[in-house]
Amino acid sequence: MSAPRFRLNGCDGVLPGDPARSLLDILREDHGLTAAKPGCRIGRCGACTVLMDGRPVNACLVMAYRLEGTEILTADHPEAGPAVAIVRAALIDENAFQCGYCAPGFVLALAALLNRAPEAGEAEIRAALTGNLCRCTGYASILRGALTARDRLRAARGATGAEPGGPKPSGSQLPR
């Protein structure tokens, strides 16, 4: 069996070694990407959230053999796309987090939702975040940040006439 080929943060990659290794371990140990955090390691906390083909997934549950032909985007990527930047800024402006350990997972989950459903309401936002836990806040500030991000993305879309999330930098697209 040949090593799986995939794209990681806009670059081609080949996964060395054991096909049963978790994507979380591969990201952190082989690629030095630390935004995806080890938390529960059973897919319940969202600390290790990454985007796989534009959908949020728990990197602790994705094994290497499933990566063939996929596009993986982590919160480590400096040009993850306009939606990620806007969500990140809105969460910061709303003081959404205290320690920040869970922040990358929330950012990617929200960016994926708002790319898919740019007019998402509070109920949709809450549903999209059910897989992400924060031990520091009461979630009100995270929800405020999500609504602020939605409104900012809407305003950016209206100002440019572009699709939700705006144009993506080449080589570092936020997958859909």
C-alpha atoms as a PDB file:
ATOM      1  CA  MET A   1       0.000   0.000   0.000  1.00  0.00           C
ATOM      2  CA  SER A   2       1.476   3.358  -0.991  1.00  0.00           C
ATOM      3  CA  ALA A   3       1.564   6.280   1.417  1.00  0.00           C
ATOM      4  CA  PRO A   4      -1.553   8.447   1.217  1.00  0.00           C
ATOM      5  CA  ARG A   5      -1.216  11.738  -0.622  1.00  0.00           C
ATOM      6  CA  PHE A   6      -3.138  14.743   0.622  1.00  0.00           C
ATOM      7  CA  ARG A   7      -2.956  18.533   0.815  1.00  0.00           C
ATOM      8  CA  LEU A   8      -2.104  20.179   4.103  1.00  0.00           C
ATOM      9  CA  ASN A   9      -2.578  23.930   4.384  1.00  0.00           C
ATOM     10  CA  GLY A  10      -2.250  24.324   0.634  1.00  0.00           C
ATOM     11  CA  CYS A  11       0.845  22.142   0.191  1.00  0.00           C
ATOM     12  CA  ASP A  12       1.113  18.623  -1.189  1.00  0.00           C
ATOM     13  CA  GLY A  13       2.023  16.031   1.363  1.00  0.00           C
ATOM     14  CA  VAL A  14       2.713  12.349   1.707  1.00  0.00           C
ATOM     15  CA  LEU A  15       2.057  10.670   5.016  1.00  0.00           C
ATOM     16  CA  PRO A  16       4.918   8.523   6.196  1.00  0.00           C
ATOM     17  CA  GLY A  17       4.548   5.512   8.421  1.00  0.00           C
ATOM     18  CA  ASP A  18       1.645   3.813  10.109  1.00  0.00           C
ATOM     19  CA  PRO A  19      -1.736   4.226   8.335  1.00  0.00           C
ATOM     20  CA  ALA A  20      -3.493   3.828  11.712  1.00  0.00           C
ATOM     21  CA  ARG A  21      -1.909   6.958  13.224  1.00  0.00           C
ATOM     22  CA  SER A  22      -4.295   9.784  14.027  1.00  0.00           C
ATOM     23  CA  LEU A  23      -4.255  12.971  12.013  1.00  0.00           C
ATOM     24  CA  LEU A  24      -3.790  14.850  15.295  1.00  0.00           C
ATOM     25  CA  ASP A  25      -0.520  13.030  15.988  1.00  0.00           C
ATOM     26  CA  ILE A  26       0.627  13.450  12.392  1.00  0.00           C
ATOM     27  CA  LEU A  27      -0.031  17.198  12.467  1.00  0.00           C
ATOM     28  CA  ARG A  28       1.692  17.769  15.778  1.00  0.00           C
ATOM     29  CA  GLU A  29       4.571  15.266  15.632  1.00  0.00           C
ATOM     30  CA  ASP A  30       5.428  15.128  11.927  1.00  0.00           C
ATOM     31  CA  HIS A  31       4.532  18.651  10.794  1.00  0.00           C
ATOM     32  CA  GLY A  32       4.966  20.740  13.943  1.00  0.00           C
ATOM     33  CA  LEU A  33       1.431  22.140  13.642  1.00  0.00           C
ATOM     34  CA  THR A  34       0.116  22.699  17.140  1.00  0.00           C
ATOM     35  CA  ALA A  35      -3.177  24.597  16.756  1.00  0.00           C
ATOM     36  CA  ALA A  36      -5.089  21.300  16.841  1.00  0.00           C
ATOM     37  CA  LYS A  37      -4.858  20.454  20.517  1.00  0.00           C
ATOM     38  CA  PRO A  38      -5.006  17.064  22.216  1.00  0.00           C
ATOM     39  CA  GLY A  39      -7.970  17.089  24.537  1.00  0.00           C
ATOM     40  CA  CYS A  40     -10.200  14.131  25.127  1.00  0.00           C
ATOM     41  CA  ARG A  41      -8.823  12.070  22.192  1.00  0.00           C
ATOM     42  CA  ILE A  42     -12.277  10.511  21.719  1.00  0.00           C
ATOM     43  CA  GLY A  43     -13.909  13.173  19.548  1.00  0.00           C
ATOM     44  CA  ARG A  44     -15.979  14.943  22.171  1.00  0.00           C
ATOM     45  CA  CYS A  45     -14.195  18.212  22.977  1.00  0.00           C
ATOM     46  CA  GLY A  46     -13.364  19.787  19.592  1.00  0.00           C
ATOM     47  CA  ALA A  47      -9.918  20.968  20.699  1.00  0.00           C
ATOM     48  CA  CYS A  48      -8.365  19.129  17.743  1.00  0.00           C
ATOM     49  CA  THR A  49     -10.802  20.428  15.099  1.00  0.00           C
ATOM     50  CA  VAL A  50      -9.422  20.825  11.576  1.00  0.00           C
ATOM     51  CA  LEU A  51     -11.177  21.237   8.249  1.00  0.00           C
ATOM     52  CA  MET A  52     -11.163  18.174   6.028  1.00  0.00           C
ATOM     53  CA  ASP A  53     -12.479  19.027   2.582  1.00  0.00           C
ATOM     54  CA  GLY A  54     -14.135  22.077   4.124  1.00  0.00           C
ATOM     55  CA  ARG A  55     -15.912  20.233   6.930  1.00  0.00           C
ATOM     56  CA  PRO A  56     -14.895  20.358  10.576  1.00  0.00           C
ATOM     57  CA  VAL A  57     -13.608  17.033  11.866  1.00  0.00           C
ATOM     58  CA  ASN A  58     -11.904  15.863  15.031  1.00  0.00           C
ATOM     59  CA  ALA A  59      -8.303  15.170  14.038  1.00  0.00           C
ATOM     60  CA  CYS A  60      -8.035  12.656  16.870  1.00  0.00           C
ATOM     61  CA  LEU A  61     -10.574  10.425  15.085  1.00  0.00           C
ATOM     62  CA  VAL A  62      -9.213  10.658  11.525  1.00  0.00           C
ATOM     63  CA  MET A  63      -6.679   7.946  10.781  1.00  0.00           C
ATOM     64  CA  ALA A  64      -3.948   8.368   8.164  1.00  0.00           C
ATOM     65  CA  TYR A  65      -5.461   5.813   5.792  1.00  0.00           C
ATOM     66  CA  ARG A  66      -8.521   8.108   5.410  1.00  0.00           C
ATOM     67  CA  LEU A  67      -6.453  11.059   4.177  1.00  0.00           C
ATOM     68  CA  GLU A  68      -5.888   9.918   0.593  1.00  0.00           C
ATOM     69  CA  GLY A  69      -6.855  12.791  -1.718  1.00  0.00           C
ATOM     70  CA  THR A  70      -8.186  15.074   1.018  1.00  0.00           C
ATOM     71  CA  GLU A  71      -7.561  18.741   1.723  1.00  0.00           C
ATOM     72  CA  ILE A  72      -6.720  19.460   5.362  1.00  0.00           C
ATOM     73  CA  LEU A  73      -6.700  22.991   6.724  1.00  0.00           C
ATOM     74  CA  THR A  74      -5.507  23.790  10.220  1.00  0.00           C
ATOM     75  CA  ALA A  75      -5.793  26.981  12.234  1.00  0.00           C
ATOM     76  CA  ASP A  76      -1.973  27.182  12.054  1.00  0.00           C
ATOM     77  CA  HIS A  77      -2.135  28.303   8.434  1.00  0.00           C
ATOM     78  CA  PRO A  78      -1.512  32.064   8.342  1.00  0.00           C
ATOM     79  CA  GLU A  79      -3.609  32.540   5.205  1.00  0.00           C
ATOM     80  CA  ALA A  80      -6.454  30.179   6.024  1.00  0.00           C
ATOM     81  CA  GLY A  81      -8.874  32.465   4.212  1.00  0.00           C
ATOM     82  CA  PRO A  82     -10.967  35.550   4.847  1.00  0.00           C
ATOM     83  CA  ALA A  83     -13.672  33.722   6.783  1.00  0.00           C
ATOM     84  CA  VAL A  84     -11.128  32.343   9.263  1.00  0.00           C
ATOM     85  CA  ALA A  85      -9.528  35.776   9.702  1.00  0.00           C
ATOM     86  CA  ILE A  86     -12.887  37.476  10.239  1.00  0.00           C
ATOM     87  CA  VAL A  87     -14.095  34.825  12.697  1.00  0.00           C
ATOM     88  CA  ARG A  88     -10.816  34.980  14.623  1.00  0.00           C
ATOM     89  CA  ALA A  89     -10.970  38.801  14.842  1.00  0.00           C
ATOM     90  CA  ALA A  90     -14.631  38.820  15.904  1.00  0.00           C
ATOM     91  CA  LEU A  91     -13.986  36.297  18.674  1.00  0.00           C
ATOM     92  CA  ILE A  92     -11.050  38.361  19.907  1.00  0.00           C
ATOM     93  CA  ASP A  93     -13.110  41.562  19.823  1.00  0.00           C
ATOM     94  CA  GLU A  94     -15.865  39.909  21.866  1.00  0.00           C
ATOM     95  CA  ASN A  95     -13.362  38.519  24.416  1.00  0.00           C
ATOM     96  CA  ALA A  96     -14.697  35.058  23.636  1.00  0.00           C
ATOM     97  CA  PHE A  97     -11.967  33.083  25.378  1.00  0.00           C
ATOM     98  CA  GLN A  98      -9.928  33.169  28.531  1.00  0.00           C
ATOM     99  CA  CYS A  99      -7.155  30.583  28.129  1.00  0.00           C
ATOM    100  CA  GLY A 100      -7.575  30.048  24.368  1.00  0.00           C
ATOM    101  CA  TYR A 101      -6.879  26.306  24.331  1.00  0.00           C
ATOM    102  CA  CYS A 102     -10.185  25.623  22.555  1.00  0.00           C
ATOM    103  CA  ALA A 103     -10.084  28.716  20.319  1.00  0.00           C
ATOM    104  CA  PRO A 104      -8.651  27.140  17.120  1.00  0.00           C
ATOM    105  CA  GLY A 105     -11.387  24.497  17.108  1.00  0.00           C
ATOM    106  CA  PHE A 106     -14.137  27.082  17.569  1.00  0.00           C
ATOM    107  CA  VAL A 107     -12.649  29.311  14.851  1.00  0.00           C
ATOM    108  CA  LEU A 108     -12.570  26.533  12.254  1.00  0.00           C
ATOM    109  CA  ALA A 109     -16.023  25.194  13.172  1.00  0.00           C
ATOM    110  CA  LEU A 110     -17.509  28.681  12.825  1.00  0.00           C
ATOM    111  CA  ALA A 111     -15.655  29.480   9.587  1.00  0.00           C
ATOM    112  CA  ALA A 112     -16.903  26.230   8.035  1.00  0.00           C
ATOM    113  CA  LEU A 113     -20.469  26.997   9.089  1.00  0.00           C
ATOM    114  CA  LEU A 114     -20.401  30.582   7.827  1.00  0.00           C
ATOM    115  CA  ASN A 115     -18.879  29.539   4.501  1.00  0.00           C
ATOM    116  CA  ARG A 116     -21.642  26.955   4.112  1.00  0.00           C
ATOM    117  CA  ALA A 117     -24.509  28.995   5.629  1.00  0.00           C
ATOM    118  CA  PRO A 118     -23.590  32.700   5.603  1.00  0.00           C
ATOM    119  CA  GLU A 119     -26.957  33.718   7.031  1.00  0.00           C
ATOM    120  CA  ALA A 120     -26.833  31.230   9.908  1.00  0.00           C
ATOM    121  CA  GLY A 121     -28.949  32.194  12.876  1.00  0.00           C
ATOM    122  CA  GLU A 122     -28.260  31.663  16.541  1.00  0.00           C
ATOM    123  CA  ALA A 123     -29.781  28.161  16.559  1.00  0.00           C
ATOM    124  CA  GLU A 124     -27.604  27.050  13.611  1.00  0.00           C
ATOM    125  CA  ILE A 125     -24.512  28.525  15.229  1.00  0.00           C
ATOM    126  CA  ARG A 126     -25.244  26.749  18.506  1.00  0.00           C
ATOM    127  CA  ALA A 127     -25.787  23.465  16.629  1.00  0.00           C
ATOM    128  CA  ALA A 128     -22.519  23.862  14.702  1.00  0.00           C
ATOM    129  CA  LEU A 129     -20.623  24.396  17.956  1.00  0.00           C
ATOM    130  CA  THR A 130     -22.064  21.467  19.905  1.00  0.00           C
ATOM    131  CA  GLY A 131     -18.885  19.453  19.355  1.00  0.00           C
ATOM    132  CA  ASN A 132     -16.644  22.146  20.844  1.00  0.00           C
ATOM    133  CA  LEU A 133     -16.167  22.503  24.587  1.00  0.00           C
ATOM    134  CA  CYS A 134     -14.781  25.468  26.480  1.00  0.00           C
ATOM    135  CA  ARG A 135     -13.943  25.039  30.144  1.00  0.00           C
ATOM    136  CA  CYS A 136     -13.363  28.759  30.813  1.00  0.00           C
ATOM    137  CA  THR A 137     -16.392  30.680  29.520  1.00  0.00           C
ATOM    138  CA  GLY A 138     -20.149  30.500  29.726  1.00  0.00           C
ATOM    139  CA  TYR A 139     -20.392  30.469  25.908  1.00  0.00           C
ATOM    140  CA  ALA A 140     -22.250  33.813  25.746  1.00  0.00           C
ATOM    141  CA  SER A 141     -19.108  35.606  24.573  1.00  0.00           C
ATOM    142  CA  ILE A 142     -18.403  32.889  22.006  1.00  0.00           C
ATOM    143  CA  LEU A 143     -21.928  33.217  20.638  1.00  0.00           C
ATOM    144  CA  ARG A 144     -21.576  37.022  20.511  1.00  0.00           C
ATOM    145  CA  GLY A 145     -18.322  36.590  18.606  1.00  0.00           C
ATOM    146  CA  ALA A 146     -19.966  34.162  16.179  1.00  0.00           C
ATOM    147  CA  LEU A 147     -22.836  36.565  15.489  1.00  0.00           C
ATOM    148  CA  THR A 148     -20.369  39.429  15.069  1.00  0.00           C
ATOM    149  CA  ALA A 149     -18.364  37.324  12.593  1.00  0.00           C
ATOM    150  CA  ARG A 150     -21.527  36.471  10.645  1.00  0.00           C
ATOM    151  CA  ASP A 151     -22.436  40.157  10.419  1.00  0.00           C
ATOM    152  CA  ARG A 152     -18.910  41.151   9.377  1.00  0.00           C
ATOM    153  CA  LEU A 153     -18.824  38.463   6.690  1.00  0.00           C
ATOM    154  CA  ARG A 154     -22.221  39.661   5.442  1.00  0.00           C
ATOM    155  CA  ALA A 155     -20.924  43.249   5.307  1.00  0.00           C
ATOM    156  CA  ALA A 156     -17.732  42.184   3.498  1.00  0.00           C
ATOM    157  CA  ARG A 157     -19.773  40.200   1.005  1.00  0.00           C
ATOM    158  CA  GLY A 158     -22.062  43.182   0.404  1.00  0.00           C
ATOM    159  CA  ALA A 159     -19.150  45.575  -0.046  1.00  0.00           C
ATOM    160  CA  THR A 160     -17.332  43.395  -2.570  1.00  0.00           C
ATOM    161  CA  GLY A 161     -20.215  41.516  -4.164  1.00  0.00           C
ATOM    162  CA  ALA A 162     -18.147  38.367  -3.681  1.00  0.00           C
ATOM    163  CA  GLU A 163     -19.388  35.036  -2.446  1.00  0.00           C
ATOM    164  CA  PRO A 164     -19.336  34.328   1.304  1.00  0.00           C
ATOM    165  CA  GLY A 165     -15.846  34.446   2.713  1.00  0.00           C
ATOM    166  CA  GLY A 166     -14.578  36.476  -0.219  1.00  0.00           C
ATOM    167  CA  PRO A 167     -11.760  35.561  -2.582  1.00  0.00           C
ATOM    168  CA  LYS A 168      -9.275  33.023  -1.343  1.00  0.00           C
ATOM    169  CA  PRO A 169      -5.515  33.413  -1.640  1.00  0.00           C
ATOM    170  CA  SER A 170      -4.090  31.006  -4.201  1.00  0.00           C
ATOM    171  CA  GLY A 171      -2.353  27.970  -2.772  1.00  0.00           C
ATOM    172  CA  SER A 172      -4.025  28.382   0.603  1.00  0.00           C
ATOM    173  CA  GLN A 173      -7.716  28.083  -0.029  1.00  0.00           C
ATOM    174  CA  LEU A 174     -10.248  27.486   2.667  1.00  0.00           C
ATOM    175  CA  PRO A 175     -11.840  24.319   1.310  1.00  0.00           C
ATOM    176  CA  ARG A 176     -15.561  24.162   0.743  1.00  0.00           C
END
